[in-house]
Amino acid sequence: MKDIYVKNFSEFPGPRKESIGPNSGERFRDEVLYKAIKDLPNETFRIHLDGTAGYGSSFLEEAFGGLVRLGVSEQTMRGIIDNLVSEEDPSLIVEVSEYIDDAIQALKE
């Protein structure tokens, strides 16, 4: 299992898109999450959400829902949901799970 810590990307996660501001969900998705999934396609990922100053919903939706829109499989995304970690704010796990579920459902419609 590969551990990914959002705090190693930025202590201050930013907006949805890099064009709006630094440390965006788009950049985290592309440079950290999507890259890891592509580089290690058979790996299971545990994503640690703790250690940041907080999250905007747009960062989380773009980072995680955006993976679905990029074509990451439902199976891989379910694995990510199962291995989200946040002791500081467990509601983040529910929030991210909902963004992933919504993106998966939107693709099926």
Protein backbone atom coordinates (compact mmCIF):
# COMPACT_ATOMS: atom_id res chain seq x y z
CA MET A 1 0.00 0.00 0.00
CA LYS A 2 1.30 3.43 -0.97
CA ASP A 3 0.64 6.33 1.39
CA ILE A 4 -0.09 9.77 -0.05
CA TYR A 5 -0.18 12.76 2.30
CA VAL A 6 -1.96 15.87 1.03
CA LYS A 7 0.14 17.94 3.46
CA ASN A 8 3.23 16.96 1.43
CA PHE A 9 1.61 18.64 -1.58
CA SER A 10 0.56 21.72 0.39
CA GLU A 11 -0.35 22.69 3.92
CA PHE A 12 -2.73 25.17 2.28
CA PRO A 13 -4.83 23.42 -0.40
CA GLY A 14 -6.16 25.97 -2.84
CA PRO A 15 -9.04 26.37 -5.29
CA ARG A 16 -10.43 24.02 -7.92
CA LYS A 17 -8.29 25.16 -10.87
CA GLU A 18 -4.67 26.27 -11.05
CA SER A 19 -5.76 29.27 -13.15
CA ILE A 20 -7.64 30.56 -10.09
CA GLY A 21 -4.82 30.15 -7.59
CA PRO A 22 -1.92 28.02 -6.37
CA ASN A 23 -2.04 24.54 -4.86
CA SER A 24 -5.25 23.69 -6.68
CA GLY A 25 -7.25 20.50 -6.62
CA GLU A 26 -6.53 20.23 -10.35
CA ARG A 27 -2.78 20.27 -9.76
CA PHE A 28 -2.96 17.84 -6.83
CA ARG A 29 -5.08 15.50 -8.95
CA ASP A 30 -2.76 15.63 -11.96
CA GLU A 31 0.67 15.80 -10.33
CA VAL A 32 0.08 13.56 -7.32
CA LEU A 33 -2.98 11.31 -7.52
CA TYR A 34 -3.31 10.63 -11.24
CA LYS A 35 0.46 10.30 -11.65
CA ALA A 36 0.63 7.75 -8.81
CA ILE A 37 -2.26 5.73 -10.26
CA LYS A 38 -0.68 5.72 -13.72
CA ASP A 39 2.83 4.93 -12.43
CA LEU A 40 1.64 2.16 -10.08
CA PRO A 41 -1.53 0.73 -11.67
CA ASN A 42 -1.69 -2.33 -9.40
CA GLU A 43 -1.05 -0.44 -6.18
CA THR A 44 -3.56 0.36 -3.44
CA PHE A 45 -3.40 3.94 -2.19
CA ARG A 46 -4.06 5.26 1.31
CA ILE A 47 -4.66 9.00 1.19
CA HIS A 48 -4.09 11.00 4.37
CA LEU A 49 -6.13 14.18 4.54
CA ASP A 50 -4.83 15.45 7.90
CA GLY A 51 -2.19 18.10 8.46
CA THR A 52 -3.52 20.88 6.25
CA ALA A 53 -5.11 24.20 7.15
CA GLY A 54 -8.41 22.93 5.71
CA TYR A 55 -10.10 22.27 2.40
CA GLY A 56 -12.48 24.01 0.10
CA SER A 57 -15.10 21.75 -1.38
CA SER A 58 -13.93 22.70 -4.87
CA PHE A 59 -10.40 21.40 -4.15
CA LEU A 60 -11.73 18.05 -2.97
CA GLU A 61 -14.28 17.67 -5.75
CA GLU A 62 -11.75 18.47 -8.47
CA ALA A 63 -9.05 16.26 -6.97
CA PHE A 64 -11.22 13.19 -6.43
CA GLY A 65 -14.28 13.59 -8.68
CA GLY A 66 -11.86 14.75 -11.36
CA LEU A 67 -10.08 11.39 -11.26
CA VAL A 68 -13.34 9.73 -12.29
CA ARG A 69 -13.75 12.21 -15.16
CA LEU A 70 -10.19 11.39 -16.27
CA GLY A 71 -11.21 7.75 -16.63
CA VAL A 72 -9.86 6.18 -13.44
CA SER A 73 -11.84 2.97 -12.93
CA GLU A 74 -14.66 2.66 -10.45
CA GLN A 75 -12.76 -0.20 -8.80
CA THR A 76 -9.72 2.01 -8.23
CA MET A 77 -11.90 4.82 -6.92
CA ARG A 78 -13.69 2.46 -4.50
CA GLY A 79 -10.26 1.43 -3.23
CA ILE A 80 -9.43 5.08 -2.64
CA ILE A 81 -12.68 5.57 -0.70
CA ASP A 82 -11.90 2.53 1.43
CA ASN A 83 -8.47 3.90 2.32
CA LEU A 84 -9.09 7.58 3.04
CA VAL A 85 -7.67 8.67 6.39
CA SER A 86 -8.63 11.66 8.52
CA GLU A 87 -8.52 11.61 12.28
CA GLU A 88 -8.73 15.42 12.48
CA ASP A 89 -12.00 15.65 10.53
CA PRO A 90 -13.64 12.31 9.67
CA SER A 91 -16.42 14.16 7.82
CA LEU A 92 -13.86 14.76 5.04
CA ILE A 93 -13.99 11.04 4.25
CA VAL A 94 -17.75 11.23 3.79
CA GLU A 95 -17.43 14.38 1.68
CA VAL A 96 -14.79 12.91 -0.64
CA SER A 97 -16.78 9.67 -0.94
CA GLU A 98 -19.83 11.66 -2.04
CA TYR A 99 -17.84 13.54 -4.69
CA ILE A 100 -16.53 10.26 -6.06
CA ASP A 101 -19.98 8.62 -6.01
CA ASP A 102 -21.54 11.66 -7.71
CA ALA A 103 -18.89 11.63 -10.46
CA ILE A 104 -19.34 7.91 -11.04
CA GLN A 105 -23.12 8.32 -11.22
CA ALA A 106 -22.82 11.25 -13.64
CA LEU A 107 -20.77 9.08 -16.01
CA LYS A 108 -23.46 6.41 -15.97
CA GLU A 109 -26.23 8.85 -16.93
